[in-house]
């Protein structure tokens, strides 16, 4: 199942709003666990999500705006 960059940003925003900095910790834990267990594609999803959650919380990324790469 594919997820768009906009959907991923929105999910990161929801997790950040609900759990604060614990959301980043949850995502990082999921990444490490899945990577060790050999589920590398799933691990990469959680790694990307952990970065976006951190950006929402630390840098004010607007999870409802279209993402842009700079």
C-alpha atoms as a PDB file:
ATOM      1  CA  UNK A   1       0.000   0.000   0.000  1.00  0.00           C
ATOM      2  CA  UNK A   2       1.407   3.362  -1.013  1.00  0.00           C
ATOM      3  CA  UNK A   3       1.105   6.544   1.023  1.00  0.00           C
ATOM      4  CA  UNK A   4       1.611  10.010  -0.398  1.00  0.00           C
ATOM      5  CA  UNK A   5       4.005  12.555   1.073  1.00  0.00           C
ATOM      6  CA  UNK A   6       1.020  14.711   2.069  1.00  0.00           C
ATOM      7  CA  UNK A   7      -0.608  11.791   3.886  1.00  0.00           C
ATOM      8  CA  UNK A   8       2.662  10.995   5.650  1.00  0.00           C
ATOM      9  CA  UNK A   9       3.018  14.613   6.812  1.00  0.00           C
ATOM     10  CA  UNK A  10      -0.569  14.656   8.014  1.00  0.00           C
ATOM     11  CA  UNK A  11      -0.016  11.404   9.932  1.00  0.00           C
ATOM     12  CA  UNK A  12       3.126  12.851  11.513  1.00  0.00           C
ATOM     13  CA  UNK A  13       1.122  15.891  12.595  1.00  0.00           C
ATOM     14  CA  UNK A  14      -1.604  13.765  14.131  1.00  0.00           C
ATOM     15  CA  UNK A  15       0.915  11.644  16.022  1.00  0.00           C
ATOM     16  CA  UNK A  16       2.767  14.738  17.228  1.00  0.00           C
ATOM     17  CA  UNK A  17      -0.456  16.385  18.395  1.00  0.00           C
ATOM     18  CA  UNK A  18      -1.584  13.259  20.211  1.00  0.00           C
ATOM     19  CA  UNK A  19       1.699  12.095  21.760  1.00  0.00           C
ATOM     20  CA  UNK A  20       4.193  14.975  21.593  1.00  0.00           C
ATOM     21  CA  UNK A  21       7.842  13.966  21.618  1.00  0.00           C
ATOM     22  CA  UNK A  22       6.855  10.417  22.595  1.00  0.00           C
ATOM     23  CA  UNK A  23       5.567  10.023  19.019  1.00  0.00           C
ATOM     24  CA  UNK A  24       9.112  10.428  17.728  1.00  0.00           C
ATOM     25  CA  UNK A  25      10.330   7.861  20.238  1.00  0.00           C
ATOM     26  CA  UNK A  26       7.590   5.412  19.214  1.00  0.00           C
ATOM     27  CA  UNK A  27       8.486   5.819  15.541  1.00  0.00           C
ATOM     28  CA  UNK A  28      12.208   5.393  16.205  1.00  0.00           C
ATOM     29  CA  UNK A  29      11.556   2.273  18.271  1.00  0.00           C
ATOM     30  CA  UNK A  30       9.380   0.823  15.509  1.00  0.00           C
ATOM     31  CA  UNK A  31      12.116   1.604  12.970  1.00  0.00           C
ATOM     32  CA  UNK A  32      14.830  -0.145  14.979  1.00  0.00           C
ATOM     33  CA  UNK A  33      12.676  -3.172  15.765  1.00  0.00           C
ATOM     34  CA  UNK A  34      11.519  -3.693  12.192  1.00  0.00           C
ATOM     35  CA  UNK A  35      15.007  -3.140  10.789  1.00  0.00           C
ATOM     36  CA  UNK A  36      16.525  -5.747  13.112  1.00  0.00           C
ATOM     37  CA  UNK A  37      13.739  -8.184  12.247  1.00  0.00           C
ATOM     38  CA  UNK A  38      14.481  -7.751   8.534  1.00  0.00           C
ATOM     39  CA  UNK A  39      11.389  -5.745   7.538  1.00  0.00           C
ATOM     40  CA  UNK A  40      13.443  -3.029   5.866  1.00  0.00           C
ATOM     41  CA  UNK A  41      10.639  -1.441   3.808  1.00  0.00           C
ATOM     42  CA  UNK A  42       8.443  -1.088   6.872  1.00  0.00           C
ATOM     43  CA  UNK A  43      11.417   0.155   8.880  1.00  0.00           C
ATOM     44  CA  UNK A  44      12.075   2.903   6.332  1.00  0.00           C
ATOM     45  CA  UNK A  45       8.465   4.078   6.645  1.00  0.00           C
ATOM     46  CA  UNK A  46       8.870   4.506  10.403  1.00  0.00           C
ATOM     47  CA  UNK A  47      12.258   6.189   9.971  1.00  0.00           C
ATOM     48  CA  UNK A  48      10.737   8.773   7.629  1.00  0.00           C
ATOM     49  CA  UNK A  49       7.811   9.248   9.977  1.00  0.00           C
ATOM     50  CA  UNK A  50      10.141   9.817  12.936  1.00  0.00           C
ATOM     51  CA  UNK A  51      11.925  12.579  11.005  1.00  0.00           C
ATOM     52  CA  UNK A  52       8.655  14.252  10.070  1.00  0.00           C
ATOM     53  CA  UNK A  53       7.311  14.051  13.628  1.00  0.00           C
ATOM     54  CA  UNK A  54      10.538  15.643  14.846  1.00  0.00           C
ATOM     55  CA  UNK A  55      10.215  18.385  12.224  1.00  0.00           C
ATOM     56  CA  UNK A  56       6.621  19.086  13.258  1.00  0.00           C
ATOM     57  CA  UNK A  57       7.594  19.350  16.920  1.00  0.00           C
ATOM     58  CA  UNK A  58      10.980  21.049  16.643  1.00  0.00           C
ATOM     59  CA  UNK A  59      10.823  23.133  13.504  1.00  0.00           C
ATOM     60  CA  UNK A  60       7.154  23.906  13.114  1.00  0.00           C
ATOM     61  CA  UNK A  61       6.533  21.894   9.952  1.00  0.00           C
ATOM     62  CA  UNK A  62       2.902  22.444   9.008  1.00  0.00           C
ATOM     63  CA  UNK A  63       1.515  18.915   8.604  1.00  0.00           C
ATOM     64  CA  UNK A  64      -1.486  20.209   6.638  1.00  0.00           C
ATOM     65  CA  UNK A  65       0.571  22.081   4.026  1.00  0.00           C
ATOM     66  CA  UNK A  66       1.885  20.407   0.910  1.00  0.00           C
ATOM     67  CA  UNK A  67       5.445  19.212   1.592  1.00  0.00           C
ATOM     68  CA  UNK A  68       8.261  20.796  -0.359  1.00  0.00           C
ATOM     69  CA  UNK A  69      11.868  19.770  -0.762  1.00  0.00           C
ATOM     70  CA  UNK A  70      14.387  22.551  -0.502  1.00  0.00           C
END
